[in-house]
Every structure is written in C-alpha cells, then in structure tokens.
PDB file of all heavy atoms in Angstrom:
ATOM      1  N   ILE A   1     130.957 -61.390 208.031  1.00  0.00           N
ATOM      2  CA  ILE A   1     130.804 -60.171 208.822  1.00  0.00           C
ATOM      3  C   ILE A   1     130.701 -58.953 207.910  1.00  0.00           C
ATOM      4  O   ILE A   1     129.827 -58.101 208.091  1.00  0.00           O
ATOM      5  CB  ILE A   1     131.964 -60.014 209.822  1.00  0.00           C
ATOM      6  CG1 ILE A   1     131.807 -61.048 210.938  1.00  0.00           C
ATOM      7  CG2 ILE A   1     132.021 -58.605 210.394  1.00  0.00           C
ATOM      8  CD1 ILE A   1     133.002 -61.138 211.856  1.00  0.00           C
ATOM      9  N   LEU A   2     131.578 -58.875 206.920  1.00  0.00           N
ATOM     10  CA  LEU A   2     131.529 -57.753 205.993  1.00  0.00           C
ATOM     11  C   LEU A   2     130.204 -57.709 205.240  1.00  0.00           C
ATOM     12  O   LEU A   2     129.660 -56.632 204.979  1.00  0.00           O
ATOM     13  CB  LEU A   2     132.687 -57.816 204.998  1.00  0.00           C
ATOM     14  CG  LEU A   2     134.033 -57.359 205.513  1.00  0.00           C
ATOM     15  CD1 LEU A   2     135.097 -57.526 204.435  1.00  0.00           C
ATOM     16  CD2 LEU A   2     133.985 -55.924 205.971  1.00  0.00           C
ATOM     17  N   ASP A   3     129.664 -58.863 204.888  1.00  0.00           N
ATOM     18  CA  ASP A   3     128.382 -58.909 204.192  1.00  0.00           C
ATOM     19  C   ASP A   3     127.276 -58.342 205.085  1.00  0.00           C
ATOM     20  O   ASP A   3     126.427 -57.580 204.624  1.00  0.00           O
ATOM     21  CB  ASP A   3     128.053 -60.337 203.757  1.00  0.00           C
ATOM     22  CG  ASP A   3     126.891 -60.378 202.795  1.00  0.00           C
ATOM     23  OD1 ASP A   3     126.895 -59.601 201.809  1.00  0.00           O
ATOM     24  OD2 ASP A   3     125.972 -61.192 203.021  1.00  0.00           O
ATOM     25  N   GLY A   4     127.309 -58.685 206.371  1.00  0.00           N
ATOM     26  CA  GLY A   4     126.325 -58.144 207.309  1.00  0.00           C
ATOM     27  C   GLY A   4     126.459 -56.638 207.466  1.00  0.00           C
ATOM     28  O   GLY A   4     125.459 -55.915 207.475  1.00  0.00           O
ATOM     29  N   VAL A   5     127.682 -56.163 207.565  1.00  0.00           N
ATOM     30  CA  VAL A   5     127.937 -54.726 207.678  1.00  0.00           C
ATOM     31  C   VAL A   5     127.459 -54.017 206.411  1.00  0.00           C
ATOM     32  O   VAL A   5     126.812 -52.972 206.469  1.00  0.00           O
ATOM     33  CB  VAL A   5     129.441 -54.445 207.924  1.00  0.00           C
ATOM     34  CG1 VAL A   5     129.770 -52.967 207.765  1.00  0.00           C
ATOM     35  CG2 VAL A   5     129.862 -54.952 209.288  1.00  0.00           C
ATOM     36  N   ARG A   6     127.774 -54.607 205.265  1.00  0.00           N
ATOM     37  CA  ARG A   6     127.363 -54.023 203.987  1.00  0.00           C
ATOM     38  C   ARG A   6     125.854 -53.863 203.924  1.00  0.00           C
ATOM     39  O   ARG A   6     125.340 -52.803 203.565  1.00  0.00           O
ATOM     40  CB  ARG A   6     127.842 -54.919 202.843  1.00  0.00           C
ATOM     41  CG  ARG A   6     127.448 -54.422 201.451  1.00  0.00           C
ATOM     42  CD  ARG A   6     127.673 -55.471 200.381  1.00  0.00           C
ATOM     43  NE  ARG A   6     126.897 -56.673 200.564  1.00  0.00           N
ATOM     44  CZ  ARG A   6     125.582 -56.794 200.330  1.00  0.00           C
ATOM     45  NH1 ARG A   6     124.891 -55.757 199.909  1.00  0.00           N
ATOM     46  NH2 ARG A   6     124.968 -57.940 200.519  1.00  0.00           N
ATOM     47  N   LYS A   7     125.134 -54.899 204.319  1.00  0.00           N
ATOM     48  CA  LYS A   7     123.663 -54.858 204.283  1.00  0.00           C
ATOM     49  C   LYS A   7     123.121 -53.808 205.246  1.00  0.00           C
ATOM     50  O   LYS A   7     122.239 -53.029 204.890  1.00  0.00           O
ATOM     51  CB  LYS A   7     123.088 -56.230 204.612  1.00  0.00           C
ATOM     52  CG  LYS A   7     123.280 -57.237 203.499  1.00  0.00           C
ATOM     53  CD  LYS A   7     122.800 -58.614 203.910  1.00  0.00           C
ATOM     54  CE  LYS A   7     123.069 -59.618 202.800  1.00  0.00           C
ATOM     55  NZ  LYS A   7     122.812 -61.005 203.231  1.00  0.00           N
ATOM     56  N   ARG A   8     123.652 -53.772 206.478  1.00  0.00           N
ATOM     57  CA  ARG A   8     123.178 -52.802 207.463  1.00  0.00           C
ATOM     58  C   ARG A   8     123.457 -51.364 207.035  1.00  0.00           C
ATOM     59  O   ARG A   8     122.689 -50.454 207.327  1.00  0.00           O
ATOM     60  CB  ARG A   8     123.788 -53.075 208.832  1.00  0.00           C
ATOM     61  CG  ARG A   8     123.197 -54.299 209.523  1.00  0.00           C
ATOM     62  CD  ARG A   8     123.618 -54.409 210.972  1.00  0.00           C
ATOM     63  NE  ARG A   8     125.049 -54.496 211.204  1.00  0.00           N
ATOM     64  CZ  ARG A   8     125.787 -55.605 211.076  1.00  0.00           C
ATOM     65  NH1 ARG A   8     125.227 -56.739 210.718  1.00  0.00           N
ATOM     66  NH2 ARG A   8     127.071 -55.582 211.332  1.00  0.00           N
ATOM     67  N   ALA A   9     124.567 -51.159 206.329  1.00  0.00           N
ATOM     68  CA  ALA A   9     124.930 -49.813 205.876  1.00  0.00           C
ATOM     69  C   ALA A   9     124.256 -49.443 204.558  1.00  0.00           C
ATOM     70  O   ALA A   9     124.354 -48.301 204.111  1.00  0.00           O
ATOM     71  CB  ALA A   9     126.450 -49.715 205.720  1.00  0.00           C
ATOM     72  N   GLY A  10     123.593 -50.411 203.939  1.00  0.00           N
ATOM     73  CA  GLY A  10     122.927 -50.144 202.667  1.00  0.00           C
ATOM     74  C   GLY A  10     123.888 -49.962 201.509  1.00  0.00           C
ATOM     75  O   GLY A  10     123.591 -49.246 200.555  1.00  0.00           O
ATOM     76  N   LEU A  11     125.038 -50.615 201.581  1.00  0.00           N
ATOM     77  CA  LEU A  11     126.035 -50.513 200.517  1.00  0.00           C
ATOM     78  C   LEU A  11     125.839 -51.615 199.484  1.00  0.00           C
ATOM     79  O   LEU A  11     125.489 -52.748 199.841  1.00  0.00           O
ATOM     80  CB  LEU A  11     127.451 -50.622 201.091  1.00  0.00           C
ATOM     81  CG  LEU A  11     127.853 -49.570 202.111  1.00  0.00           C
ATOM     82  CD1 LEU A  11     129.190 -49.924 202.744  1.00  0.00           C
ATOM     83  CD2 LEU A  11     127.901 -48.201 201.465  1.00  0.00           C
ATOM     84  N   ALA A  12     126.086 -51.304 198.238  1.00  0.00           N
ATOM     85  CA  ALA A  12     125.968 -52.311 197.180  1.00  0.00           C
ATOM     86  C   ALA A  12     127.118 -53.308 197.256  1.00  0.00           C
ATOM     87  O   ALA A  12     126.954 -54.483 196.932  1.00  0.00           O
ATOM     88  CB  ALA A  12     125.947 -51.633 195.811  1.00  0.00           C
ATOM     89  N   LYS A  13     128.284 -52.835 197.694  1.00  0.00           N
ATOM     90  CA  LYS A  13     129.472 -53.694 197.716  1.00  0.00           C
ATOM     91  C   LYS A  13     130.387 -53.263 198.861  1.00  0.00           C
ATOM     92  O   LYS A  13     130.510 -52.069 199.150  1.00  0.00           O
ATOM     93  CB  LYS A  13     130.200 -53.577 196.378  1.00  0.00           C
ATOM     94  CG  LYS A  13     131.397 -54.478 196.224  1.00  0.00           C
ATOM     95  CD  LYS A  13     132.012 -54.307 194.846  1.00  0.00           C
ATOM     96  CE  LYS A  13     133.265 -55.155 194.730  1.00  0.00           C
ATOM     97  NZ  LYS A  13     133.977 -54.909 193.476  1.00  0.00           N
ATOM     98  N   LEU A  14     131.020 -54.222 199.506  1.00  0.00           N
ATOM     99  CA  LEU A  14     132.025 -53.941 200.532  1.00  0.00           C
ATOM    100  C   LEU A  14     132.961 -55.138 200.594  1.00  0.00           C
ATOM    101  O   LEU A  14     132.529 -56.264 200.820  1.00  0.00           O
ATOM    102  CB  LEU A  14     131.392 -53.716 201.906  1.00  0.00           C
ATOM    103  CG  LEU A  14     132.374 -53.482 203.059  1.00  0.00           C
ATOM    104  CD1 LEU A  14     133.162 -52.187 202.849  1.00  0.00           C
ATOM    105  CD2 LEU A  14     131.639 -53.445 204.386  1.00  0.00           C
ATOM    106  N   THR A  15     134.251 -54.889 200.353  1.00  0.00           N
ATOM    107  CA  THR A  15     135.235 -55.963 200.368  1.00  0.00           C
ATOM    108  C   THR A  15     136.429 -55.572 201.235  1.00  0.00           C
ATOM    109  O   THR A  15     136.647 -54.386 201.509  1.00  0.00           O
ATOM    110  CB  THR A  15     135.752 -56.267 198.941  1.00  0.00           C
ATOM    111  OG1 THR A  15     136.497 -55.124 198.469  1.00  0.00           O
ATOM    112  CG2 THR A  15     134.613 -56.589 197.976  1.00  0.00           C
ATOM    113  N   CYS A  16     137.209 -56.569 201.623  1.00  0.00           N
ATOM    114  CA  CYS A  16     138.450 -56.302 202.361  1.00  0.00           C
ATOM    115  C   CYS A  16     139.383 -55.433 201.520  1.00  0.00           C
ATOM    116  O   CYS A  16     140.078 -54.565 202.050  1.00  0.00           O
ATOM    117  CB  CYS A  16     139.140 -57.612 202.722  1.00  0.00           C
ATOM    118  SG  CYS A  16     138.315 -58.526 204.027  1.00  0.00           S
ATOM    119  N   HIS A  17     139.373 -55.664 200.215  1.00  0.00           N
ATOM    120  CA  HIS A  17     140.238 -54.888 199.334  1.00  0.00           C
ATOM    121  C   HIS A  17     139.839 -53.409 199.339  1.00  0.00           C
ATOM    122  O   HIS A  17     140.705 -52.527 199.354  1.00  0.00           O
ATOM    123  CB  HIS A  17     140.193 -55.463 197.911  1.00  0.00           C
ATOM    124  CG  HIS A  17     141.321 -54.994 197.065  1.00  0.00           C
ATOM    125  ND1 HIS A  17     142.617 -55.424 197.241  1.00  0.00           N
ATOM    126  CD2 HIS A  17     141.351 -54.112 196.051  1.00  0.00           C
ATOM    127  CE1 HIS A  17     143.401 -54.824 196.364  1.00  0.00           C
ATOM    128  NE2 HIS A  17     142.653 -54.018 195.624  1.00  0.00           N
ATOM    129  N   GLN A  18     138.536 -53.129 199.374  1.00  0.00           N
ATOM    130  CA  GLN A  18     138.087 -51.739 199.468  1.00  0.00           C
ATOM    131  C   GLN A  18     138.549 -51.114 200.783  1.00  0.00           C
ATOM    132  O   GLN A  18     138.937 -49.939 200.817  1.00  0.00           O
ATOM    133  CB  GLN A  18     136.569 -51.654 199.367  1.00  0.00           C
ATOM    134  CG  GLN A  18     136.038 -51.889 197.975  1.00  0.00           C
ATOM    135  CD  GLN A  18     134.530 -51.938 197.967  1.00  0.00           C
ATOM    136  OE1 GLN A  18     133.922 -52.662 198.742  1.00  0.00           O
ATOM    137  NE2 GLN A  18     133.935 -51.162 197.094  1.00  0.00           N
ATOM    138  N   LEU A  19     138.511 -51.885 201.857  1.00  0.00           N
ATOM    139  CA  LEU A  19     138.974 -51.372 203.149  1.00  0.00           C
ATOM    140  C   LEU A  19     140.466 -51.069 203.102  1.00  0.00           C
ATOM    141  O   LEU A  19     140.937 -50.101 203.714  1.00  0.00           O
ATOM    142  CB  LEU A  19     138.646 -52.366 204.266  1.00  0.00           C
ATOM    143  CG  LEU A  19     137.159 -52.579 204.533  1.00  0.00           C
ATOM    144  CD1 LEU A  19     136.975 -53.656 205.596  1.00  0.00           C
ATOM    145  CD2 LEU A  19     136.474 -51.291 204.939  1.00  0.00           C
ATOM    146  N   ARG A  20     141.223 -51.880 202.371  1.00  0.00           N
ATOM    147  CA  ARG A  20     142.652 -51.638 202.192  1.00  0.00           C
ATOM    148  C   ARG A  20     142.865 -50.300 201.469  1.00  0.00           C
ATOM    149  O   ARG A  20     143.695 -49.489 201.881  1.00  0.00           O
ATOM    150  CB  ARG A  20     143.271 -52.800 201.411  1.00  0.00           C
ATOM    151  CG  ARG A  20     144.740 -52.651 201.093  1.00  0.00           C
ATOM    152  CD  ARG A  20     145.237 -53.918 200.394  1.00  0.00           C
ATOM    153  NE  ARG A  20     146.468 -53.725 199.693  1.00  0.00           N
ATOM    154  CZ  ARG A  20     147.684 -53.813 200.214  1.00  0.00           C
ATOM    155  NH1 ARG A  20     147.806 -54.079 201.501  1.00  0.00           N
ATOM    156  NH2 ARG A  20     148.756 -53.642 199.485  1.00  0.00           N
ATOM    157  N   HIS A  21     142.112 -50.070 200.391  1.00  0.00           N
ATOM    158  CA  HIS A  21     142.202 -48.802 199.670  1.00  0.00           C
ATOM    159  C   HIS A  21     141.893 -47.637 200.610  1.00  0.00           C
ATOM    160  O   HIS A  21     142.595 -46.627 200.619  1.00  0.00           O
ATOM    161  CB  HIS A  21     141.207 -48.772 198.500  1.00  0.00           C
ATOM    162  CG  HIS A  21     141.690 -49.459 197.271  1.00  0.00           C
ATOM    163  ND1 HIS A  21     142.062 -48.776 196.141  1.00  0.00           N
ATOM    164  CD2 HIS A  21     141.843 -50.768 196.976  1.00  0.00           C
ATOM    165  CE1 HIS A  21     142.430 -49.632 195.207  1.00  0.00           C
ATOM    166  NE2 HIS A  21     142.304 -50.856 195.691  1.00  0.00           N
ATOM    167  N   THR A  22     140.834 -47.787 201.400  1.00  0.00           N
ATOM    168  CA  THR A  22     140.426 -46.730 202.326  1.00  0.00           C
ATOM    169  C   THR A  22     141.522 -46.451 203.348  1.00  0.00           C
ATOM    170  O   THR A  22     141.854 -45.292 203.621  1.00  0.00           O
ATOM    171  CB  THR A  22     139.115 -47.112 203.031  1.00  0.00           C
ATOM    172  OG1 THR A  22     138.101 -47.304 202.040  1.00  0.00           O
ATOM    173  CG2 THR A  22     138.671 -46.036 204.004  1.00  0.00           C
ATOM    174  N   CYS A  23     142.098 -47.490 203.905  1.00  0.00           N
ATOM    175  CA  CYS A  23     143.166 -47.328 204.900  1.00  0.00           C
ATOM    176  C   CYS A  23     144.349 -46.577 204.302  1.00  0.00           C
ATOM    177  O   CYS A  23     144.850 -45.613 204.901  1.00  0.00           O
ATOM    178  CB  CYS A  23     143.604 -48.701 205.414  1.00  0.00           C
ATOM    179  SG  CYS A  23     144.980 -48.619 206.570  1.00  0.00           S
ATOM    180  N   LEU A  24     144.801 -46.993 203.131  1.00  0.00           N
ATOM    181  CA  LEU A  24     145.955 -46.341 202.510  1.00  0.00           C
ATOM    182  C   LEU A  24     145.646 -44.890 202.143  1.00  0.00           C
ATOM    183  O   LEU A  24     146.493 -44.007 202.302  1.00  0.00           O
ATOM    184  CB  LEU A  24     146.407 -47.138 201.283  1.00  0.00           C
ATOM    185  CG  LEU A  24     146.905 -48.551 201.592  1.00  0.00           C
ATOM    186  CD1 LEU A  24     147.222 -49.297 200.298  1.00  0.00           C
ATOM    187  CD2 LEU A  24     148.098 -48.544 202.524  1.00  0.00           C
ATOM    188  N   THR A  25     144.431 -44.636 201.676  1.00  0.00           N
ATOM    189  CA  THR A  25     144.031 -43.268 201.356  1.00  0.00           C
ATOM    190  C   THR A  25     144.041 -42.402 202.603  1.00  0.00           C
ATOM    191  O   THR A  25     144.551 -41.278 202.601  1.00  0.00           O
ATOM    192  CB  THR A  25     142.629 -43.260 200.706  1.00  0.00           C
ATOM    193  OG1 THR A  25     142.684 -43.993 199.474  1.00  0.00           O
ATOM    194  CG2 THR A  25     142.156 -41.846 200.438  1.00  0.00           C
ATOM    195  N   ARG A  26     143.502 -42.913 203.702  1.00  0.00           N
ATOM    196  CA  ARG A  26     143.452 -42.133 204.944  1.00  0.00           C
ATOM    197  C   ARG A  26     144.860 -41.867 205.476  1.00  0.00           C
ATOM    198  O   ARG A  26     145.124 -40.783 206.016  1.00  0.00           O
ATOM    199  CB  ARG A  26     142.616 -42.850 206.011  1.00  0.00           C
ATOM    200  CG  ARG A  26     141.157 -43.004 205.665  1.00  0.00           C
ATOM    201  CD  ARG A  26     140.475 -41.648 205.475  1.00  0.00           C
ATOM    202  NE  ARG A  26     139.137 -41.815 204.968  1.00  0.00           N
ATOM    203  CZ  ARG A  26     138.765 -41.617 203.704  1.00  0.00           C
ATOM    204  NH1 ARG A  26     139.645 -41.227 202.811  1.00  0.00           N
ATOM    205  NH2 ARG A  26     137.520 -41.785 203.325  1.00  0.00           N
ATOM    206  N   LEU A  27     145.769 -42.829 205.334  1.00  0.00           N
ATOM    207  CA  LEU A  27     147.152 -42.601 205.758  1.00  0.00           C
ATOM    208  C   LEU A  27     147.764 -41.453 204.965  1.00  0.00           C
ATOM    209  O   LEU A  27     148.425 -40.574 205.529  1.00  0.00           O
ATOM    210  CB  LEU A  27     147.987 -43.877 205.582  1.00  0.00           C
ATOM    211  CG  LEU A  27     147.677 -45.016 206.541  1.00  0.00           C
ATOM    212  CD1 LEU A  27     148.442 -46.275 206.122  1.00  0.00           C
ATOM    213  CD2 LEU A  27     148.005 -44.636 207.974  1.00  0.00           C
ATOM    214  N   ARG A  28     147.530 -41.443 203.668  1.00  0.00           N
ATOM    215  CA  ARG A  28     148.068 -40.368 202.822  1.00  0.00           C
ATOM    216  C   ARG A  28     147.446 -39.027 203.185  1.00  0.00           C
ATOM    217  O   ARG A  28     148.137 -38.013 203.304  1.00  0.00           O
ATOM    218  CB  ARG A  28     147.835 -40.691 201.343  1.00  0.00           C
ATOM    219  CG  ARG A  28     148.363 -39.640 200.392  1.00  0.00           C
ATOM    220  CD  ARG A  28     149.891 -39.561 200.459  1.00  0.00           C
ATOM    221  NE  ARG A  28     150.361 -38.408 199.717  1.00  0.00           N
ATOM    222  CZ  ARG A  28     150.874 -37.309 200.282  1.00  0.00           C
ATOM    223  NH1 ARG A  28     151.020 -37.227 201.581  1.00  0.00           N
ATOM    224  NH2 ARG A  28     151.265 -36.317 199.542  1.00  0.00           N
ATOM    225  N   GLU A  29     146.122 -39.018 203.378  1.00  0.00           N
ATOM    226  CA  GLU A  29     145.440 -37.782 203.738  1.00  0.00           C
ATOM    227  C   GLU A  29     145.888 -37.249 205.100  1.00  0.00           C
ATOM    228  O   GLU A  29     145.843 -36.043 205.343  1.00  0.00           O
ATOM    229  CB  GLU A  29     143.921 -37.983 203.735  1.00  0.00           C
ATOM    230  CG  GLU A  29     143.338 -38.121 202.347  1.00  0.00           C
ATOM    231  CD  GLU A  29     141.845 -38.368 202.339  1.00  0.00           C
ATOM    232  OE1 GLU A  29     141.292 -38.837 203.362  1.00  0.00           O
ATOM    233  OE2 GLU A  29     141.228 -38.101 201.304  1.00  0.00           O
ATOM    234  N   ALA A  30     146.331 -38.156 205.965  1.00  0.00           N
ATOM    235  CA  ALA A  30     146.799 -37.743 207.295  1.00  0.00           C
ATOM    236  C   ALA A  30     148.232 -37.217 207.255  1.00  0.00           C
ATOM    237  O   ALA A  30     148.775 -36.818 208.278  1.00  0.00           O
ATOM    238  CB  ALA A  30     146.699 -38.912 208.274  1.00  0.00           C
ATOM    239  N   GLY A  31     148.842 -37.229 206.066  1.00  0.00           N
ATOM    240  CA  GLY A  31     150.172 -36.638 205.931  1.00  0.00           C
ATOM    241  C   GLY A  31     151.303 -37.623 205.713  1.00  0.00           C
ATOM    242  O   GLY A  31     152.454 -37.218 205.602  1.00  0.00           O
ATOM    243  N   MET A  32     151.010 -38.917 205.661  1.00  0.00           N
ATOM    244  CA  MET A  32     152.069 -39.890 205.425  1.00  0.00           C
ATOM    245  C   MET A  32     152.603 -39.705 204.000  1.00  0.00           C
ATOM    246  O   MET A  32     151.832 -39.566 203.060  1.00  0.00           O
ATOM    247  CB  MET A  32     151.548 -41.319 205.613  1.00  0.00           C
ATOM    248  CG  MET A  32     152.622 -42.393 205.485  1.00  0.00           C
ATOM    249  SD  MET A  32     151.949 -44.067 205.691  1.00  0.00           S
ATOM    250  CE  MET A  32     152.324 -44.354 207.395  1.00  0.00           C
ATOM    251  N   ALA A  33     153.907 -39.681 203.854  1.00  0.00           N
ATOM    252  CA  ALA A  33     154.527 -39.536 202.539  1.00  0.00           C
ATOM    253  C   ALA A  33     154.107 -40.698 201.643  1.00  0.00           C
ATOM    254  O   ALA A  33     153.936 -41.831 202.112  1.00  0.00           O
ATOM    255  CB  ALA A  33     156.051 -39.512 202.682  1.00  0.00           C
ATOM    256  N   LEU A  34     153.959 -40.414 200.362  1.00  0.00           N
ATOM    257  CA  LEU A  34     153.527 -41.432 199.413  1.00  0.00           C
ATOM    258  C   LEU A  34     154.471 -42.639 199.427  1.00  0.00           C
ATOM    259  O   LEU A  34     154.032 -43.791 199.358  1.00  0.00           O
ATOM    260  CB  LEU A  34     153.434 -40.845 198.003  1.00  0.00           C
ATOM    261  CG  LEU A  34     152.797 -41.736 196.950  1.00  0.00           C
ATOM    262  CD1 LEU A  34     151.374 -42.137 197.338  1.00  0.00           C
ATOM    263  CD2 LEU A  34     152.799 -41.036 195.595  1.00  0.00           C
ATOM    264  N   GLU A  35     155.771 -42.381 199.578  1.00  0.00           N
ATOM    265  CA  GLU A  35     156.744 -43.482 199.630  1.00  0.00           C
ATOM    266  C   GLU A  35     156.536 -44.353 200.867  1.00  0.00           C
ATOM    267  O   GLU A  35     156.728 -45.563 200.817  1.00  0.00           O
ATOM    268  CB  GLU A  35     158.183 -42.925 199.618  1.00  0.00           C
ATOM    269  CG  GLU A  35     158.549 -42.194 198.337  1.00  0.00           C
ATOM    270  CD  GLU A  35     158.055 -40.742 198.287  1.00  0.00           C
ATOM    271  OE1 GLU A  35     157.460 -40.252 199.266  1.00  0.00           O
ATOM    272  OE2 GLU A  35     158.275 -40.109 197.244  1.00  0.00           O
ATOM    273  N   ALA A  36     156.126 -43.737 201.976  1.00  0.00           N
ATOM    274  CA  ALA A  36     155.842 -44.504 203.191  1.00  0.00           C
ATOM    275  C   ALA A  36     154.564 -45.329 203.018  1.00  0.00           C
ATOM    276  O   ALA A  36     154.501 -46.474 203.466  1.00  0.00           O
ATOM    277  CB  ALA A  36     155.722 -43.575 204.399  1.00  0.00           C
TER     278      ALA A  36
END
C-alpha cells in the first residue's frame, strides 16, 4: 500500500519509519512536551 501511495504522490521513498518520524514531529509541533 505504501509503495502505491509513494508512486501516486511522486515520492522517491516512503516508509513506515518515515511516517513514524512525521507523527512524532507533528506531536511536538502541536505542543506536546519533548518528554511526552
């Protein structure tokens, strides 16, 4: 599924690990304390 999404979005790479990074970054940007 991720490979299909990657191709449709024109991305060179897309992994579950990248999504994990994105999720944690967005939580921090939304105000969650770094320790949380």
